[in-house]
Protein backbone atom coordinates (compact mmCIF):
# COMPACT_ATOMS: atom_id res chain seq x y z
CA UNK A 1 18.36 -5.89 57.09
CA UNK A 2 21.82 -4.92 55.84
CA UNK A 3 20.61 -5.36 52.06
CA UNK A 4 17.86 -2.94 52.79
CA UNK A 5 20.01 -0.23 54.10
CA UNK A 6 21.95 -0.87 51.46
CA UNK A 7 19.03 -0.17 48.95
CA UNK A 8 18.28 2.47 50.95
CA UNK A 9 21.78 3.95 50.39
CA UNK A 10 21.35 3.64 46.86
CA UNK A 11 18.07 5.52 46.95
CA UNK A 12 19.36 8.17 48.09
CA UNK A 13 22.51 8.63 45.88
CA UNK A 14 20.18 8.19 42.90
CA UNK A 15 17.74 10.79 43.63
CA UNK A 16 20.59 12.68 44.71
CA UNK A 17 22.64 12.59 41.24
CA UNK A 18 19.08 13.42 39.74
CA UNK A 19 18.54 16.57 41.37
CA UNK A 20 21.59 17.49 40.85
CA UNK A 21 21.44 17.08 37.19
CA UNK A 22 18.29 18.45 37.13
CA UNK A 23 19.55 21.94 38.47
CA UNK A 24 22.25 21.82 36.12
CA UNK A 25 20.02 21.48 33.40
CA UNK A 26 17.89 24.41 34.53
CA UNK A 27 21.16 26.53 34.91
CA UNK A 28 22.55 25.63 31.20
CA UNK A 29 18.97 26.70 29.92
CA UNK A 30 19.10 30.12 31.80
CA UNK A 31 22.68 31.23 31.32
CA UNK A 32 24.11 34.47 32.36
CA UNK A 33 24.39 36.95 29.48
CA UNK A 34 28.37 37.40 28.72
CA UNK A 35 27.56 40.69 26.67
CA UNK A 36 29.27 43.22 28.32
CA UNK A 37 27.71 46.73 29.16
CA UNK A 38 27.99 48.90 26.28
CA UNK A 39 29.31 52.37 27.35
CA UNK A 40 26.75 54.37 24.89
CA UNK A 41 28.75 57.91 25.30
CA UNK A 42 32.18 56.33 23.77
CA UNK A 43 30.57 54.32 21.29
CA UNK A 44 29.02 57.48 19.74
CA UNK A 45 32.08 59.80 20.55
CA UNK A 46 34.11 57.33 18.70
CA UNK A 47 31.71 57.10 15.73
CA UNK A 48 31.78 60.98 15.32
CA UNK A 49 35.57 61.52 16.01
CA UNK A 50 36.39 58.38 13.58
CA UNK A 51 33.66 58.68 10.91
CA UNK A 52 32.12 62.08 11.39
CA UNK A 53 33.95 64.93 12.96
CA UNK A 54 31.82 67.43 11.46
CA UNK A 55 32.22 69.90 14.27
CA UNK A 56 36.05 70.28 13.68
CA UNK A 57 36.69 68.72 10.13
CA UNK A 58 33.68 70.50 7.95
CA UNK A 59 33.53 73.99 6.65
CA UNK A 60 31.58 76.86 7.93
CA UNK A 61 27.98 75.83 8.81
CA UNK A 62 26.50 79.35 7.85
CA UNK A 63 25.61 80.63 4.39
CA UNK A 64 24.96 84.82 3.97
CA UNK A 65 22.07 85.89 2.69
CA UNK A 66 23.20 87.48 -0.10
CA UNK A 67 24.75 84.06 -1.08
CA UNK A 68 20.98 82.01 -0.80
CA UNK A 69 19.67 85.37 -2.97
CA UNK A 70 22.49 84.85 -5.79
CA UNK A 71 21.61 81.08 -5.99
CA UNK A 72 17.98 81.53 -5.73
CA UNK A 73 18.35 83.94 -8.97
CA UNK A 74 21.01 81.99 -10.98
CA UNK A 75 20.43 78.18 -10.21
CA UNK A 76 17.01 77.64 -7.73
CA UNK A 77 16.33 74.21 -8.39
CA UNK A 78 19.78 73.41 -6.93
CA UNK A 79 19.16 75.23 -3.59
CA UNK A 80 16.74 73.72 -1.42
CA UNK A 81 15.48 76.04 1.40
CA UNK A 82 13.86 74.47 4.69
CA UNK A 83 12.19 76.89 7.06
CA UNK A 84 11.75 75.69 10.02
CA UNK A 85 9.70 78.74 11.85
CA UNK A 86 6.18 77.74 12.74
CA UNK A 87 3.44 77.71 9.75
CA UNK A 88 1.42 81.03 10.76
CA UNK A 89 5.06 82.65 10.36
CA UNK A 90 5.83 81.09 7.12
CA UNK A 91 2.93 82.13 5.60
CA UNK A 92 3.01 85.48 6.64
CA UNK A 93 6.39 85.94 4.56
CA UNK A 94 9.08 83.66 3.50
CA UNK A 95 11.67 83.27 0.36
CA UNK A 96 10.64 82.04 -2.49
CA UNK A 97 10.66 78.47 -2.87
CA UNK A 98 11.04 77.43 0.96
CA UNK A 99 9.20 74.34 2.41
CA UNK A 100 7.77 74.76 5.55
CA UNK A 101 9.10 71.64 7.89
CA UNK A 102 8.26 71.58 11.48
CA UNK A 103 11.47 71.02 13.58
CA UNK A 104 10.25 67.80 15.33
CA UNK A 105 9.95 66.30 11.90
CA UNK A 106 13.21 67.22 10.55
CA UNK A 107 14.36 63.44 10.87
CA UNK A 108 11.83 61.88 8.50
CA UNK A 109 12.10 64.93 6.31
CA UNK A 110 15.59 64.71 5.39
CA UNK A 111 15.75 60.82 5.19
CA UNK A 112 13.71 61.79 2.18
CA UNK A 113 15.92 64.47 0.71
CA UNK A 114 18.61 62.86 -1.75
CA UNK A 115 21.55 65.39 -1.36
CA UNK A 116 22.91 64.27 -4.72
CA UNK A 117 19.52 66.60 -6.21
CA UNK A 118 21.39 70.09 -4.73
CA UNK A 119 24.23 71.68 -4.19
CA UNK A 120 23.16 73.78 -1.36
CA UNK A 121 20.54 73.01 1.43
CA UNK A 122 19.41 76.06 3.81
CA UNK A 123 17.80 75.37 7.23
CA UNK A 124 16.10 78.81 8.12
CA UNK A 125 14.41 80.17 11.32
CA UNK A 126 14.10 83.68 12.68
CA UNK A 127 17.27 84.49 14.20
CA UNK A 128 19.63 81.95 12.84
CA UNK A 129 20.10 80.06 16.25
CA UNK A 130 17.63 77.25 15.86
CA UNK A 131 18.36 76.47 12.28
CA UNK A 132 22.30 76.48 13.89
CA UNK A 133 21.10 73.90 16.13
CA UNK A 134 19.32 72.26 13.62
CA UNK A 135 22.35 72.25 11.00
CA UNK A 136 24.47 70.04 13.59
CA UNK A 137 21.92 67.53 14.25
CA UNK A 138 21.39 66.90 10.29
CA UNK A 139 25.17 66.89 10.14
CA UNK A 140 25.27 64.38 12.66
CA UNK A 141 22.93 62.25 10.69
CA UNK A 142 25.83 61.82 8.05
CA UNK A 143 25.37 62.21 4.30
CA UNK A 144 24.92 65.42 3.70
CA UNK A 145 28.32 67.22 4.52
CA UNK A 146 28.78 70.72 3.85
CA UNK A 147 25.94 70.87 1.58
CA UNK A 148 23.37 71.45 4.78
CA UNK A 149 23.96 75.16 6.38
CA UNK A 150 22.14 77.73 8.40
CA UNK A 151 20.96 80.98 6.80
CA UNK A 152 23.05 83.62 9.02
CA UNK A 153 21.04 85.63 11.15
CA UNK A 154 18.07 84.12 9.82
CA UNK A 155 15.02 85.59 8.14
CA UNK A 156 16.00 88.76 10.04
CA UNK A 157 18.80 89.10 7.70
CA UNK A 158 16.55 88.72 4.31
CA UNK A 159 14.20 92.04 5.53
CA UNK A 160 13.76 94.58 8.25
CA UNK A 161 10.22 92.94 8.60
CA UNK A 162 11.22 89.86 10.13
CA UNK A 163 14.06 91.50 12.36
CA UNK A 164 11.91 93.66 14.38
CA UNK A 165 11.14 91.32 17.35
CA UNK A 166 14.29 89.14 16.74
CA UNK A 167 17.89 90.82 16.00
CA UNK A 168 16.53 94.32 16.14
CA UNK A 169 15.26 94.09 19.36
CA UNK A 170 17.65 91.59 20.89
CA UNK A 171 20.90 93.90 20.32
CA UNK A 172 21.80 94.92 24.52
CA UNK A 173 24.42 96.96 26.37
CA UNK A 174 23.04 95.34 29.70
CA UNK A 175 25.88 93.79 30.94
CA UNK A 176 28.77 96.05 29.47
CA UNK A 177 29.43 97.64 33.28
CA UNK A 178 29.64 93.83 34.96
CA UNK A 179 32.25 92.57 31.93
CA UNK A 180 35.69 91.66 33.27
CA UNK A 181 39.21 91.47 31.82
CA UNK A 182 40.72 89.05 34.05
CA UNK A 183 42.70 85.79 32.85
CA UNK A 184 40.84 83.18 32.44
CA UNK A 185 40.23 80.79 35.59
CA UNK A 186 41.66 76.81 35.08
CA UNK A 187 39.45 74.66 33.07
CA UNK A 188 38.15 71.54 35.25
CA UNK A 189 40.21 68.45 35.95
CA UNK A 190 39.37 65.56 32.97
CA UNK A 191 36.38 63.30 34.35
CA UNK A 192 34.15 61.04 33.17
CA UNK A 193 31.87 61.44 30.20
CA UNK A 194 28.05 61.15 30.68
CA UNK A 195 26.34 58.66 30.71
CA UNK A 196 23.90 57.85 27.84
CA UNK A 197 21.25 55.36 28.01
CA UNK A 198 18.98 54.97 24.58
CA UNK A 199 19.14 51.16 25.02
CA UNK A 200 20.80 50.79 21.79
CA UNK A 201 24.33 49.03 21.30
CA UNK A 202 25.91 50.54 17.96
CA UNK A 203 26.61 53.90 16.81
CA UNK A 204 23.93 54.19 14.11
CA UNK A 205 20.82 53.08 16.45
CA UNK A 206 22.54 55.48 19.18
CA UNK A 207 22.87 58.20 16.84
CA UNK A 208 18.77 57.86 15.57
CA UNK A 209 17.97 57.81 19.10
CA UNK A 210 19.65 60.81 20.24
CA UNK A 211 18.54 62.90 17.21
CA UNK A 212 15.33 61.79 17.68
CA UNK A 213 15.02 62.79 21.59
CA UNK A 214 16.66 66.53 20.73
CA UNK A 215 14.29 67.24 17.63
CA UNK A 216 11.10 65.80 19.73
CA UNK A 217 12.14 68.42 22.72
CA UNK A 218 12.83 71.17 20.35
CA UNK A 219 15.04 74.09 20.60
CA UNK A 220 14.34 75.75 23.98
CA UNK A 221 15.71 73.33 26.31
CA UNK A 222 19.07 73.70 24.45
CA UNK A 223 19.17 77.99 25.46
CA UNK A 224 19.44 79.91 27.60
CA UNK A 225 19.16 84.08 28.65
CA UNK A 226 21.76 86.26 30.04
CA UNK A 227 19.51 87.23 32.54
CA UNK A 228 18.80 83.69 33.60
CA UNK A 229 22.71 83.56 33.57
CA UNK A 230 23.24 86.63 35.71
CA UNK A 231 20.36 85.92 38.31
CA UNK A 232 23.05 83.40 39.66
CA UNK A 233 26.26 83.04 37.92
CA UNK A 234 27.81 80.32 40.40
CA UNK A 235 24.92 78.14 39.13
CA UNK A 236 26.52 76.95 35.45
CA UNK A 237 29.80 76.13 34.23
CA UNK A 238 30.24 79.15 31.73
CA UNK A 239 32.37 78.44 28.48
CA UNK A 240 33.62 81.39 26.44
CA UNK A 241 34.02 80.33 22.92
CA UNK A 242 36.33 82.98 21.68
CA UNK A 243 39.92 83.43 21.03
CA UNK A 244 41.68 84.63 23.88
CA UNK A 245 42.53 87.97 22.66
CA UNK A 246 39.03 88.86 22.65
CA UNK A 247 38.05 87.08 25.92
CA UNK A 248 40.57 89.76 27.53
CA UNK A 249 39.31 92.64 25.33
CA UNK A 250 36.35 93.11 25.64
CA UNK A 251 36.35 91.18 28.45
CA UNK A 252 34.08 88.35 29.39
CA UNK A 253 31.04 86.82 31.84
CA UNK A 254 32.84 87.12 35.40
CA UNK A 255 34.01 83.60 35.99
CA UNK A 256 33.65 82.29 32.20
CA UNK A 257 36.39 79.93 31.40
CA UNK A 258 37.81 80.44 28.11
CA UNK A 259 37.39 77.40 25.43
CA UNK A 260 39.72 79.11 22.48
CA UNK A 261 38.36 77.57 19.00
CA UNK A 262 41.91 77.52 18.04
CA UNK A 263 42.69 74.60 20.36
CA UNK A 264 39.64 72.38 18.86
CA UNK A 265 38.66 72.19 22.76
CA UNK A 266 35.83 70.01 22.31
CA UNK A 267 38.08 66.65 21.24
CA UNK A 268 38.33 63.97 23.81
CA UNK A 269 41.70 64.21 23.47
CA UNK A 270 41.86 68.01 24.36
CA UNK A 271 39.52 69.31 26.66
CA UNK A 272 36.12 67.80 25.96
CA UNK A 273 36.02 65.89 29.32
CA UNK A 274 36.64 69.18 31.16
CA UNK A 275 33.18 69.76 30.64
CA UNK A 276 30.83 68.87 33.88
CA UNK A 277 28.54 65.99 34.10
CA UNK A 278 26.72 67.30 36.97
CA UNK A 279 26.22 70.84 36.57
CA UNK A 280 24.77 72.89 33.61
CA UNK A 281 27.32 74.60 31.42
CA UNK A 282 26.04 77.35 29.26
CA UNK A 283 28.48 78.12 26.44
CA UNK A 284 28.49 81.51 24.58
CA UNK A 285 29.74 82.74 21.49
CA UNK A 286 29.05 86.40 19.43
CA UNK A 287 25.67 85.48 18.58
CA UNK A 288 24.12 82.38 19.57
CA UNK A 289 24.55 80.74 16.44
CA UNK A 290 28.21 78.92 16.80
CA UNK A 291 27.05 77.95 20.72
CA UNK A 292 23.68 76.39 19.46
CA UNK A 293 25.88 74.14 16.70
CA UNK A 294 28.34 73.57 18.74
CA UNK A 295 25.96 72.64 21.56
CA UNK A 296 24.11 70.34 19.88
CA UNK A 297 26.87 68.27 19.69
CA UNK A 298 27.53 68.31 22.84
CA UNK A 299 23.76 67.57 24.02
CA UNK A 300 24.23 64.68 21.24
CA UNK A 301 26.92 63.20 24.08
CA UNK A 302 24.98 63.83 26.93
CA UNK A 303 26.14 66.68 27.95
CA UNK A 304 23.74 69.52 29.63
CA UNK A 305 24.79 72.54 27.79
CA UNK A 306 22.68 75.33 27.06
CA UNK A 307 23.60 78.54 24.37
CA UNK A 308 23.31 82.18 25.39
CA UNK A 309 20.68 83.43 23.06
CA UNK A 310 21.90 86.18 21.15
CA UNK A 311 25.43 85.71 22.65
CA UNK A 312 27.44 88.81 23.31
CA UNK A 313 25.07 90.97 21.09
CA UNK A 314 22.74 90.56 23.84
CA UNK A 315 25.07 91.75 26.60
CA UNK A 316 27.71 94.38 25.46
CA UNK A 317 26.79 95.56 21.92
CA UNK A 318 28.21 98.79 21.99
CA UNK A 319 31.72 97.08 22.99
CA UNK A 320 31.64 94.91 20.18
CA UNK A 321 30.98 97.88 17.78
CA UNK A 322 33.79 99.79 19.18
CA UNK A 323 36.08 96.85 19.16
CA UNK A 324 35.11 95.59 15.49
CA UNK A 325 34.36 92.01 17.11
CA UNK A 326 33.69 89.47 14.42
CA UNK A 327 29.67 88.90 14.02
CA UNK A 328 28.54 91.90 15.99
CA UNK A 329 24.91 92.42 13.94
CA UNK A 330 24.97 95.83 12.43
CA UNK A 331 21.63 96.33 10.36
CA UNK A 332 22.72 98.58 7.67
CA UNK A 333 25.35 95.41 6.47
CA UNK A 334 22.86 92.57 7.54
CA UNK A 335 19.83 93.15 6.59
CA UNK A 336 19.42 93.08 2.54
CA UNK A 337 15.64 93.89 2.01
CA UNK A 338 15.23 91.10 -0.51
CA UNK A 339 11.97 90.35 -1.92
CA UNK A 340 9.80 87.76 -0.45
CA UNK A 341 6.45 86.06 -0.53
CA UNK A 342 3.03 85.66 1.49
CA UNK A 343 0.22 83.97 1.57
CA UNK A 344 -0.58 79.78 1.71
CA UNK A 345 1.51 77.83 -0.51
């Protein structure tokens, strides 16, 4: 009897040890992934600020119609003209030598371009706002540097026929009586960065995913009209991107917060993290071109930023004229009446 009990105990111990071994093997075969979760926004921001800080360190993102025309006449093979407008508008009238590239295909097209072949690559749209946004995205790609620029005021600056429904129609004084000259409210306290979720881990992969996403959604989601903003000012965190002197005179949208360009406010060490992540931010400048350019960068990082279309020109045009405010669209100065071609290429 005693031998049977000992034998039974032995079997129990043997079976128990086998179970422990089996479970242990299964755990070893399916280990928990020790890789920490990637903070995609931090990775992308570090990439920009350490290797491609094009927002702060690259020269002007615009080129005048006069400069484009000069190179067109003197050295056209060194200037690539990329027209982002709808195909029908491109056929109706374009700058000689331009190629028509749909906005949502710009990534693939630019990957086919060798920047060494050109001294200047000009992106073109109707008013200079879409092309400013696109210029920011292309500069973010890297490899093009300051060669990629936006045609200032778009085709509206080339000839008046292109400006009729754009710059000639969009100048307005509708908010002249509502601008105020009060000191700037305080910026938000610094908070967290937005949370990107592309599923990628490295900066080049995250950047590619973000650029392609913004190109796919198009330019309109990155914009807002003054009428929409004024319908409920409290809905938005409004950034005035002017020197403080102009913020005070001719004034600003009531409640707008001054982010002076001279302070480089969109660096992480400065005021970037004061932009809210739980509210739409409206960014406005004089023309909607700089706000589109900066807005693209901020949207790459995941901020819900919208550029106010046509900027102050759409709200206080006569005040801008009277105060000699920079980038006031003066047709006699800005519309050049240069020749253009029509028809299917």
